[in-house]
PDB file of N, CA and C in Angstrom:
ATOM      1  N   ALA A   1    -139.633-114.488-127.843  1.00  0.00           N
ATOM      2  CA  ALA A   1    -139.157-115.042-126.597  1.00  0.00           C
ATOM      3  C   ALA A   1    -138.629-113.737-125.654  1.00  0.00           C
ATOM      4  N   PHE A   2    -138.116-112.684-126.683  1.00  0.00           N
ATOM      5  CA  PHE A   2    -137.584-111.492-126.131  1.00  0.00           C
ATOM      6  C   PHE A   2    -138.488-110.489-125.470  1.00  0.00           C
ATOM      7  N   ILE A   3    -139.796-110.506-125.847  1.00  0.00           N
ATOM      8  CA  ILE A   3    -140.861-109.731-125.544  1.00  0.00           C
ATOM      9  C   ILE A   3    -141.524-109.984-124.117  1.00  0.00           C
ATOM     10  N   PHE A   4    -141.562-111.546-123.890  1.00  0.00           N
ATOM     11  CA  PHE A   4    -142.304-112.085-122.756  1.00  0.00           C
ATOM     12  C   PHE A   4    -141.652-111.692-121.294  1.00  0.00           C
ATOM     13  N   PRO A   5    -140.341-111.347-120.980  1.00  0.00           N
ATOM     14  CA  PRO A   5    -139.911-111.128-119.610  1.00  0.00           C
ATOM     15  C   PRO A   5    -140.682-109.457-119.239  1.00  0.00           C
ATOM     16  N   GLY A   6    -140.501-108.812-120.117  1.00  0.00           N
ATOM     17  CA  GLY A   6    -141.043-107.349-120.147  1.00  0.00           C
ATOM     18  C   GLY A   6    -142.566-107.320-119.998  1.00  0.00           C
ATOM     19  N   LEU A   7    -143.187-107.960-121.145  1.00  0.00           N
ATOM     20  CA  LEU A   7    -144.553-108.351-121.084  1.00  0.00           C
ATOM     21  C   LEU A   7    -145.272-108.591-119.759  1.00  0.00           C
ATOM     22  N   GLY A   8    -144.744-109.728-119.265  1.00  0.00           N
ATOM     23  CA  GLY A   8    -145.291-110.230-118.017  1.00  0.00           C
ATOM     24  C   GLY A   8    -145.072-109.183-116.795  1.00  0.00           C
ATOM     25  N   LEU A   9    -143.848-108.521-116.804  1.00  0.00           N
ATOM     26  CA  LEU A   9    -143.437-107.541-116.024  1.00  0.00           C
ATOM     27  C   LEU A   9    -144.557-106.543-115.803  1.00  0.00           C
ATOM     28  N   GLY A  10    -144.700-105.875-116.999  1.00  0.00           N
ATOM     29  CA  GLY A  10    -145.309-104.613-117.429  1.00  0.00           C
ATOM     30  C   GLY A  10    -146.585-104.993-116.743  1.00  0.00           C
ATOM     31  N   ALA A  11    -147.373-106.055-117.100  1.00  0.00           N
ATOM     32  CA  ALA A  11    -148.841-106.450-116.672  1.00  0.00           C
ATOM     33  C   ALA A  11    -148.719-106.720-115.299  1.00  0.00           C
ATOM     34  N   LEU A  12    -147.993-107.143-114.825  1.00  0.00           N
ATOM     35  CA  LEU A  12    -148.192-107.317-113.193  1.00  0.00           C
ATOM     36  C   LEU A  12    -147.776-106.004-112.450  1.00  0.00           C
ATOM     37  N   ILE A  13    -146.858-105.252-112.936  1.00  0.00           N
ATOM     38  CA  ILE A  13    -146.867-103.784-112.369  1.00  0.00           C
ATOM     39  C   ILE A  13    -148.128-102.973-112.339  1.00  0.00           C
ATOM     40  N   CYS A  14    -148.499-103.039-113.237  1.00  0.00           N
ATOM     41  CA  CYS A  14    -149.620-102.011-113.525  1.00  0.00           C
ATOM     42  C   CYS A  14    -151.325-102.690-113.244  1.00  0.00           C
ATOM     43  N   GLY A  15    -151.142-104.134-113.029  1.00  0.00           N
ATOM     44  CA  GLY A  15    -152.275-104.734-112.411  1.00  0.00           C
ATOM     45  C   GLY A  15    -153.288-105.156-113.788  1.00  0.00           C
ATOM     46  N   ALA A  16    -152.914-104.991-114.913  1.00  0.00           N
ATOM     47  CA  ALA A  16    -153.606-105.220-116.062  1.00  0.00           C
ATOM     48  C   ALA A  16    -154.835-106.516-115.770  1.00  0.00           C
ATOM     49  N   ARG A  17    -155.869-106.330-116.272  1.00  0.00           N
ATOM     50  CA  ARG A  17    -156.910-107.344-116.162  1.00  0.00           C
ATOM     51  C   ARG A  17    -156.732-108.301-117.293  1.00  0.00           C
ATOM     52  N   GLU A  18    -156.269-107.948-118.351  1.00  0.00           N
ATOM     53  CA  GLU A  18    -155.827-108.816-119.659  1.00  0.00           C
ATOM     54  C   GLU A  18    -154.862-108.047-120.224  1.00  0.00           C
ATOM     55  N   VAL A  19    -154.185-108.993-121.071  1.00  0.00           N
ATOM     56  CA  VAL A  19    -153.113-108.465-122.014  1.00  0.00           C
ATOM     57  C   VAL A  19    -153.903-108.327-123.376  1.00  0.00           C
ATOM     58  N   THR A  20    -153.888-107.094-123.797  1.00  0.00           N
ATOM     59  CA  THR A  20    -154.330-107.064-125.010  1.00  0.00           C
ATOM     60  C   THR A  20    -153.420-107.138-126.383  1.00  0.00           C
ATOM     61  N   ASP A  21    -154.189-107.149-127.411  1.00  0.00           N
ATOM     62  CA  ASP A  21    -152.927-107.117-128.833  1.00  0.00           C
ATOM     63  C   ASP A  21    -152.211-105.881-128.810  1.00  0.00           C
ATOM     64  N   ALA A  22    -153.153-104.812-128.451  1.00  0.00           N
ATOM     65  CA  ALA A  22    -152.193-103.690-128.331  1.00  0.00           C
ATOM     66  C   ALA A  22    -151.042-103.654-127.307  1.00  0.00           C
ATOM     67  N   MET A  23    -151.200-104.246-126.208  1.00  0.00           N
ATOM     68  CA  MET A  23    -150.045-104.214-125.398  1.00  0.00           C
ATOM     69  C   MET A  23    -149.130-105.247-125.955  1.00  0.00           C
ATOM     70  N   ILE A  24    -149.265-106.094-126.519  1.00  0.00           N
ATOM     71  CA  ILE A  24    -148.375-107.132-127.268  1.00  0.00           C
ATOM     72  C   ILE A  24    -147.707-106.355-128.335  1.00  0.00           C
ATOM     73  N   THR A  25    -148.161-105.634-129.307  1.00  0.00           N
ATOM     74  CA  THR A  25    -147.833-104.605-130.169  1.00  0.00           C
ATOM     75  C   THR A  25    -146.978-103.813-129.843  1.00  0.00           C
ATOM     76  N   ALA A  26    -147.178-103.030-128.526  1.00  0.00           N
ATOM     77  CA  ALA A  26    -146.412-102.000-128.068  1.00  0.00           C
ATOM     78  C   ALA A  26    -145.037-102.544-127.423  1.00  0.00           C
ATOM     79  N   ALA A  27    -145.220-104.068-127.006  1.00  0.00           N
ATOM     80  CA  ALA A  27    -143.998-104.556-126.435  1.00  0.00           C
ATOM     81  C   ALA A  27    -143.110-104.927-127.385  1.00  0.00           C
ATOM     82  N   ALA A  28    -143.689-105.699-128.806  1.00  0.00           N
ATOM     83  CA  ALA A  28    -142.717-105.737-130.143  1.00  0.00           C
ATOM     84  C   ALA A  28    -141.959-104.547-130.711  1.00  0.00           C
ATOM     85  N   ARG A  29    -143.005-103.537-130.733  1.00  0.00           N
ATOM     86  CA  ARG A  29    -142.054-102.198-131.237  1.00  0.00           C
ATOM     87  C   ARG A  29    -141.170-101.504-130.202  1.00  0.00           C
ATOM     88  N   SER A  30    -141.653-101.799-128.997  1.00  0.00           N
ATOM     89  CA  SER A  30    -140.267-101.101-128.124  1.00  0.00           C
ATOM     90  C   SER A  30    -139.148-101.938-127.999  1.00  0.00           C
ATOM     91  N   LEU A  31    -139.292-103.383-128.500  1.00  0.00           N
ATOM     92  CA  LEU A  31    -138.072-104.124-128.598  1.00  0.00           C
ATOM     93  C   LEU A  31    -137.392-103.716-129.749  1.00  0.00           C
ATOM     94  N   THR A  32    -137.860-103.249-130.838  1.00  0.00           N
ATOM     95  CA  THR A  32    -137.114-102.860-132.075  1.00  0.00           C
ATOM     96  C   THR A  32    -136.166-101.655-132.038  1.00  0.00           C
ATOM     97  N   ALA A  33    -136.850-100.898-130.667  1.00  0.00           N
ATOM     98  CA  ALA A  33    -136.146 -99.476-130.518  1.00  0.00           C
ATOM     99  C   ALA A  33    -134.789-100.172-129.568  1.00  0.00           C
ATOM    100  N   CYS A  34    -134.780-100.979-129.106  1.00  0.00           N
ATOM    101  CA  CYS A  34    -133.546-101.584-128.110  1.00  0.00           C
ATOM    102  C   CYS A  34    -132.430-102.230-129.236  1.00  0.00           C
ATOM    103  N   VAL A  35    -132.703-102.443-130.205  1.00  0.00           N
ATOM    104  CA  VAL A  35    -131.552-102.981-130.977  1.00  0.00           C
ATOM    105  C   VAL A  35    -130.960-101.842-131.641  1.00  0.00           C
ATOM    106  N   THR A  36    -129.462-101.906-131.246  1.00  0.00           N
ATOM    107  CA  THR A  36    -128.505-100.605-131.651  1.00  0.00           C
ATOM    108  C   THR A  36    -128.114-100.886-133.365  1.00  0.00           C
ATOM    109  N   ALA A  37    -127.470 -99.864-133.576  1.00  0.00           N
ATOM    110  CA  ALA A  37    -127.092 -99.986-135.145  1.00  0.00           C
ATOM    111  C   ALA A  37    -125.937-100.834-135.100  1.00  0.00           C
ATOM    112  N   GLU A  38    -124.811-100.989-134.531  1.00  0.00           N
ATOM    113  CA  GLU A  38    -123.818-102.134-134.326  1.00  0.00           C
ATOM    114  C   GLU A  38    -124.416-103.609-134.380  1.00  0.00           C
ATOM    115  N   GLU A  39    -125.902-103.692-133.741  1.00  0.00           N
ATOM    116  CA  GLU A  39    -126.420-105.256-133.709  1.00  0.00           C
ATOM    117  C   GLU A  39    -126.776-105.427-135.161  1.00  0.00           C
ATOM    118  N   LEU A  40    -127.673-104.334-135.547  1.00  0.00           N
ATOM    119  CA  LEU A  40    -128.013-104.662-137.081  1.00  0.00           C
ATOM    120  C   LEU A  40    -127.033-104.648-138.013  1.00  0.00           C
ATOM    121  N   ASP A  41    -125.974-103.809-138.036  1.00  0.00           N
ATOM    122  CA  ASP A  41    -124.765-104.154-138.923  1.00  0.00           C
ATOM    123  C   ASP A  41    -124.388-105.974-138.890  1.00  0.00           C
ATOM    124  N   SER A  42    -124.250-106.055-137.645  1.00  0.00           N
ATOM    125  CA  SER A  42    -123.757-107.525-137.367  1.00  0.00           C
ATOM    126  C   SER A  42    -124.720-108.799-137.588  1.00  0.00           C
ATOM    127  N   GLY A  43    -125.876-108.331-138.162  1.00  0.00           N
ATOM    128  CA  GLY A  43    -126.834-109.145-138.794  1.00  0.00           C
ATOM    129  C   GLY A  43    -127.784-109.490-137.514  1.00  0.00           C
ATOM    130  N   LEU A  44    -127.815-108.995-136.138  1.00  0.00           N
ATOM    131  CA  LEU A  44    -128.967-109.299-135.478  1.00  0.00           C
ATOM    132  C   LEU A  44    -129.861-108.711-135.477  1.00  0.00           C
ATOM    133  N   LEU A  45    -131.135-109.331-135.251  1.00  0.00           N
ATOM    134  CA  LEU A  45    -132.595-108.688-135.570  1.00  0.00           C
ATOM    135  C   LEU A  45    -133.113-108.320-134.240  1.00  0.00           C
ATOM    136  N   PHE A  46    -132.691-108.985-132.887  1.00  0.00           N
ATOM    137  CA  PHE A  46    -133.147-108.470-131.641  1.00  0.00           C
ATOM    138  C   PHE A  46    -131.748-107.981-130.896  1.00  0.00           C
ATOM    139  N   PRO A  47    -131.892-107.461-129.891  1.00  0.00           N
ATOM    140  CA  PRO A  47    -130.815-106.861-128.882  1.00  0.00           C
ATOM    141  C   PRO A  47    -130.114-108.348-128.600  1.00  0.00           C
ATOM    142  N   SER A  48    -128.790-107.837-128.268  1.00  0.00           N
ATOM    143  CA  SER A  48    -128.044-108.808-127.838  1.00  0.00           C
ATOM    144  C   SER A  48    -128.457-109.651-126.467  1.00  0.00           C
ATOM    145  N   VAL A  49    -128.136-110.799-126.232  1.00  0.00           N
ATOM    146  CA  VAL A  49    -128.756-111.423-124.991  1.00  0.00           C
ATOM    147  C   VAL A  49    -128.171-110.748-123.728  1.00  0.00           C
ATOM    148  N   ALA A  50    -127.191-110.498-123.818  1.00  0.00           N
ATOM    149  CA  ALA A  50    -126.196-109.588-122.769  1.00  0.00           C
ATOM    150  C   ALA A  50    -127.044-108.536-122.275  1.00  0.00           C
ATOM    151  N   ARG A  51    -128.135-107.915-123.165  1.00  0.00           N
ATOM    152  CA  ARG A  51    -128.703-106.682-122.906  1.00  0.00           C
ATOM    153  C   ARG A  51    -130.147-106.853-122.460  1.00  0.00           C
ATOM    154  N   LEU A  52    -130.530-108.247-122.390  1.00  0.00           N
ATOM    155  CA  LEU A  52    -132.127-108.444-122.288  1.00  0.00           C
ATOM    156  C   LEU A  52    -132.666-107.716-120.755  1.00  0.00           C
ATOM    157  N   ARG A  53    -131.781-107.728-120.011  1.00  0.00           N
ATOM    158  CA  ARG A  53    -132.641-106.850-118.805  1.00  0.00           C
ATOM    159  C   ARG A  53    -132.799-105.424-119.285  1.00  0.00           C
ATOM    160  N   ASP A  54    -131.919-104.816-119.974  1.00  0.00           N
ATOM    161  CA  ASP A  54    -132.374-103.469-120.365  1.00  0.00           C
ATOM    162  C   ASP A  54    -133.528-103.469-121.208  1.00  0.00           C
ATOM    163  N   ALA A  55    -133.425-104.481-122.060  1.00  0.00           N
ATOM    164  CA  ALA A  55    -134.792-104.738-123.095  1.00  0.00           C
ATOM    165  C   ALA A  55    -136.244-104.962-122.471  1.00  0.00           C
ATOM    166  N   ALA A  56    -135.888-105.598-121.385  1.00  0.00           N
ATOM    167  CA  ALA A  56    -137.004-106.156-120.568  1.00  0.00           C
ATOM    168  C   ALA A  56    -137.630-104.863-119.938  1.00  0.00           C
ATOM    169  N   ARG A  57    -136.637-103.978-119.261  1.00  0.00           N
ATOM    170  CA  ARG A  57    -136.887-102.758-118.765  1.00  0.00           C
ATOM    171  C   ARG A  57    -137.900-101.964-119.747  1.00  0.00           C
ATOM    172  N   THR A  58    -137.232-101.766-121.048  1.00  0.00           N
ATOM    173  CA  THR A  58    -138.025-100.870-121.876  1.00  0.00           C
ATOM    174  C   THR A  58    -139.366-101.328-122.370  1.00  0.00           C
ATOM    175  N   VAL A  59    -139.290-102.772-122.428  1.00  0.00           N
ATOM    176  CA  VAL A  59    -140.599-103.315-123.029  1.00  0.00           C
ATOM    177  C   VAL A  59    -141.626-103.396-121.996  1.00  0.00           C
ATOM    178  N   ALA A  60    -141.560-103.519-120.762  1.00  0.00           N
ATOM    179  CA  ALA A  60    -142.152-103.240-119.498  1.00  0.00           C
ATOM    180  C   ALA A  60    -142.970-101.842-119.499  1.00  0.00           C
ATOM    181  N   VAL A  61    -142.080-100.906-119.503  1.00  0.00           N
ATOM    182  CA  VAL A  61    -142.544 -99.523-119.552  1.00  0.00           C
ATOM    183  C   VAL A  61    -143.454 -99.493-120.807  1.00  0.00           C
ATOM    184  N   ALA A  62    -143.249 -99.649-121.892  1.00  0.00           N
ATOM    185  CA  ALA A  62    -144.286 -99.544-123.111  1.00  0.00           C
ATOM    186  C   ALA A  62    -145.592-100.424-122.746  1.00  0.00           C
ATOM    187  N   VAL A  63    -145.550-101.582-122.169  1.00  0.00           N
ATOM    188  CA  VAL A  63    -146.583-102.380-121.751  1.00  0.00           C
ATOM    189  C   VAL A  63    -147.507-101.535-120.834  1.00  0.00           C
ATOM    190  N   VAL A  64    -146.968-101.178-119.731  1.00  0.00           N
ATOM    191  CA  VAL A  64    -147.682-100.377-118.482  1.00  0.00           C
ATOM    192  C   VAL A  64    -148.248 -99.227-119.473  1.00  0.00           C
ATOM    193  N   GLU A  65    -147.699 -98.501-120.289  1.00  0.00           N
ATOM    194  CA  GLU A  65    -148.387 -97.315-120.776  1.00  0.00           C
ATOM    195  C   GLU A  65    -149.447 -97.863-121.835  1.00  0.00           C
ATOM    196  N   GLN A  66    -149.193 -98.944-122.651  1.00  0.00           N
ATOM    197  CA  GLN A  66    -150.464 -99.169-123.401  1.00  0.00           C
ATOM    198  C   GLN A  66    -151.502 -99.593-122.593  1.00  0.00           C
ATOM    199  N   ALA A  67    -151.351-100.594-121.476  1.00  0.00           N
ATOM    200  CA  ALA A  67    -152.493-100.912-120.699  1.00  0.00           C
ATOM    201  C   ALA A  67    -153.191 -99.950-120.163  1.00  0.00           C
ATOM    202  N   VAL A  68    -152.400 -98.790-119.802  1.00  0.00           N
ATOM    203  CA  VAL A  68    -153.443 -97.627-118.917  1.00  0.00           C
ATOM    204  C   VAL A  68    -154.114 -96.949-120.236  1.00  0.00           C
ATOM    205  N   LYS A  69    -153.754 -96.956-121.499  1.00  0.00           N
ATOM    206  CA  LYS A  69    -154.177 -96.320-122.669  1.00  0.00           C
ATOM    207  C   LYS A  69    -155.517 -97.231-123.272  1.00  0.00           C
ATOM    208  N   ASP A  70    -155.306 -98.503-123.060  1.00  0.00           N
ATOM    209  CA  ASP A  70    -156.260 -99.283-123.223  1.00  0.00           C
ATOM    210  C   ASP A  70    -157.268 -99.253-122.254  1.00  0.00           C
ATOM    211  N   GLY A  71    -157.454 -98.623-121.094  1.00  0.00           N
ATOM    212  CA  GLY A  71    -158.055 -98.961-119.996  1.00  0.00           C
ATOM    213  C   GLY A  71    -158.224-100.208-119.347  1.00  0.00           C
ATOM    214  N   THR A  72    -157.204-101.214-119.366  1.00  0.00           N
ATOM    215  CA  THR A  72    -157.224-102.502-118.772  1.00  0.00           C
ATOM    216  C   THR A  72    -156.383-102.480-117.641  1.00  0.00           C
ATOM    217  N   ALA A  73    -155.869-101.136-117.135  1.00  0.00           N
ATOM    218  CA  ALA A  73    -155.006-101.116-115.966  1.00  0.00           C
ATOM    219  C   ALA A  73    -155.325 -99.614-115.328  1.00  0.00           C
ATOM    220  N   PRO A  74    -155.104 -99.875-114.088  1.00  0.00           N
ATOM    221  CA  PRO A  74    -155.395 -98.061-113.321  1.00  0.00           C
ATOM    222  C   PRO A  74    -153.908 -97.552-113.697  1.00  0.00           C
ATOM    223  N   GLY A  75    -154.061 -96.061-113.874  1.00  0.00           N
ATOM    224  CA  GLY A  75    -152.786 -95.375-113.940  1.00  0.00           C
ATOM    225  C   GLY A  75    -151.803 -95.459-112.615  1.00  0.00           C
ATOM    226  N   LEU A  76    -150.667 -95.516-112.957  1.00  0.00           N
ATOM    227  CA  LEU A  76    -149.672 -95.607-112.041  1.00  0.00           C
ATOM    228  C   LEU A  76    -149.658 -94.117-111.393  1.00  0.00           C
ATOM    229  N   ASN A  77    -149.432 -93.959-109.889  1.00  0.00           N
ATOM    230  CA  ASN A  77    -149.259 -92.610-109.528  1.00  0.00           C
ATOM    231  C   ASN A  77    -147.577 -92.339-109.460  1.00  0.00           C
ATOM    232  N   SER A  78    -147.058 -92.876-109.942  1.00  0.00           N
ATOM    233  CA  SER A  78    -145.709 -92.577-110.022  1.00  0.00           C
ATOM    234  C   SER A  78    -144.823 -92.563-111.607  1.00  0.00           C
ATOM    235  N   ASP A  79    -144.128 -92.170-111.687  1.00  0.00           N
ATOM    236  CA  ASP A  79    -143.159 -92.364-112.970  1.00  0.00           C
ATOM    237  C   ASP A  79    -142.987 -93.902-113.380  1.00  0.00           C
ATOM    238  N   VAL A  80    -143.666 -94.107-114.491  1.00  0.00           N
ATOM    239  CA  VAL A  80    -143.451 -95.777-114.682  1.00  0.00           C
ATOM    240  C   VAL A  80    -142.279 -96.270-114.967  1.00  0.00           C
ATOM    241  N   ALA A  81    -141.379 -95.546-115.386  1.00  0.00           N
ATOM    242  CA  ALA A  81    -139.918 -96.202-115.516  1.00  0.00           C
ATOM    243  C   ALA A  81    -139.249 -96.552-114.247  1.00  0.00           C
ATOM    244  N   LYS A  82    -139.477 -95.690-113.226  1.00  0.00           N
ATOM    245  CA  LYS A  82    -139.109 -95.927-111.695  1.00  0.00           C
ATOM    246  C   LYS A  82    -139.798 -96.746-111.378  1.00  0.00           C
ATOM    247  N   ALA A  83    -141.074 -97.087-111.690  1.00  0.00           N
ATOM    248  CA  ALA A  83    -141.800 -98.174-111.124  1.00  0.00           C
ATOM    249  C   ALA A  83    -141.252 -99.360-111.741  1.00  0.00           C
ATOM    250  N   VAL A  84    -141.245 -99.450-112.642  1.00  0.00           N
ATOM    251  CA  VAL A  84    -140.620-100.861-113.580  1.00  0.00           C
ATOM    252  C   VAL A  84    -139.374-101.143-112.828  1.00  0.00           C
ATOM    253  N   ALA A  85    -138.251-100.157-112.842  1.00  0.00           N
ATOM    254  CA  ALA A  85    -136.980-100.554-112.199  1.00  0.00           C
ATOM    255  C   ALA A  85    -136.988-100.854-110.965  1.00  0.00           C
ATOM    256  N   ALA A  86    -137.875-100.504-109.918  1.00  0.00           N
ATOM    257  CA  ALA A  86    -138.153-100.844-108.491  1.00  0.00           C
ATOM    258  C   ALA A  86    -138.569-102.153-108.667  1.00  0.00           C
ATOM    259  N   ALA A  87    -139.674-102.426-109.528  1.00  0.00           N
ATOM    260  CA  ALA A  87    -140.047-103.778-109.311  1.00  0.00           C
ATOM    261  C   ALA A  87    -139.175-105.015-109.770  1.00  0.00           C
ATOM    262  N   MET A  88    -138.093-104.634-110.581  1.00  0.00           N
ATOM    263  CA  MET A  88    -137.399-105.792-111.109  1.00  0.00           C
ATOM    264  C   MET A  88    -136.269-106.362-110.171  1.00  0.00           C
ATOM    265  N   TRP A  89    -136.398-107.569-110.145  1.00  0.00           N
ATOM    266  CA  TRP A  89    -135.541-108.301-109.565  1.00  0.00           C
ATOM    267  C   TRP A  89    -134.018-108.028-109.780  1.00  0.00           C
ATOM    268  N   GLU A  90    -133.281-108.014-108.702  1.00  0.00           N
ATOM    269  CA  GLU A  90    -131.930-107.774-109.017  1.00  0.00           C
ATOM    270  C   GLU A  90    -131.063-109.093-108.433  1.00  0.00           C
ATOM    271  N   PRO A  91    -130.431-109.755-109.407  1.00  0.00           N
ATOM    272  CA  PRO A  91    -129.569-111.210-108.934  1.00  0.00           C
ATOM    273  C   PRO A  91    -128.422-110.715-108.248  1.00  0.00           C
ATOM    274  N   ALA A  92    -128.730-110.342-106.939  1.00  0.00           N
ATOM    275  CA  ALA A  92    -127.398-110.002-106.083  1.00  0.00           C
ATOM    276  C   ALA A  92    -127.521-111.379-105.011  1.00  0.00           C
ATOM    277  N   TYR A  93    -126.558-111.767-104.683  1.00  0.00           N
ATOM    278  CA  TYR A  93    -126.140-112.865-103.709  1.00  0.00           C
ATOM    279  C   TYR A  93    -125.455-112.474-102.233  1.00  0.00           C
ATOM    280  N   GLU A  94    -125.665-112.902-101.210  1.00  0.00           N
ATOM    281  CA  GLU A  94    -124.531-112.742-100.297  1.00  0.00           C
ATOM    282  C   GLU A  94    -123.366-113.908-100.403  1.00  0.00           C
ATOM    283  N   ALA A  95    -122.257-113.346-100.182  1.00  0.00           N
ATOM    284  CA  ALA A  95    -121.236-114.471-100.125  1.00  0.00           C
ATOM    285  C   ALA A  95    -121.653-115.807 -99.491  1.00  0.00           C
ATOM    286  N   TYR A  96    -121.589-116.930 -99.742  1.00  0.00           N
ATOM    287  CA  TYR A  96    -121.429-118.084 -98.719  1.00  0.00           C
ATOM    288  C   TYR A  96    -120.397-118.691 -98.447  1.00  0.00           C
ATOM    289  N   ALA A  97    -119.845-118.722 -96.942  1.00  0.00           N
ATOM    290  CA  ALA A  97    -119.001-119.145 -96.515  1.00  0.00           C
ATOM    291  C   ALA A  97    -118.999-120.664 -96.015  1.00  0.00           C
TER     292      ALA A  97
END
């Protein structure tokens, strides 16, 4: 469940024609890099849910990079991390009076 927000975001951003096994593997491996030593010490195998947004960003970048390597998506003309950050929805709401 932790990889799917980033997997979907990455696939959409790069216009992947398919989601490959390598893209899923890249997503899972990038997720492991998101787990801090403190989280591991406390028994967590995944990043804290409070950091899900950051994990999704990291996973999406890995998915885009792998999709381009696999040839299932055209390359981006910009920095992948910046493209992912720009595409992420920001939950900001105007005050309702």
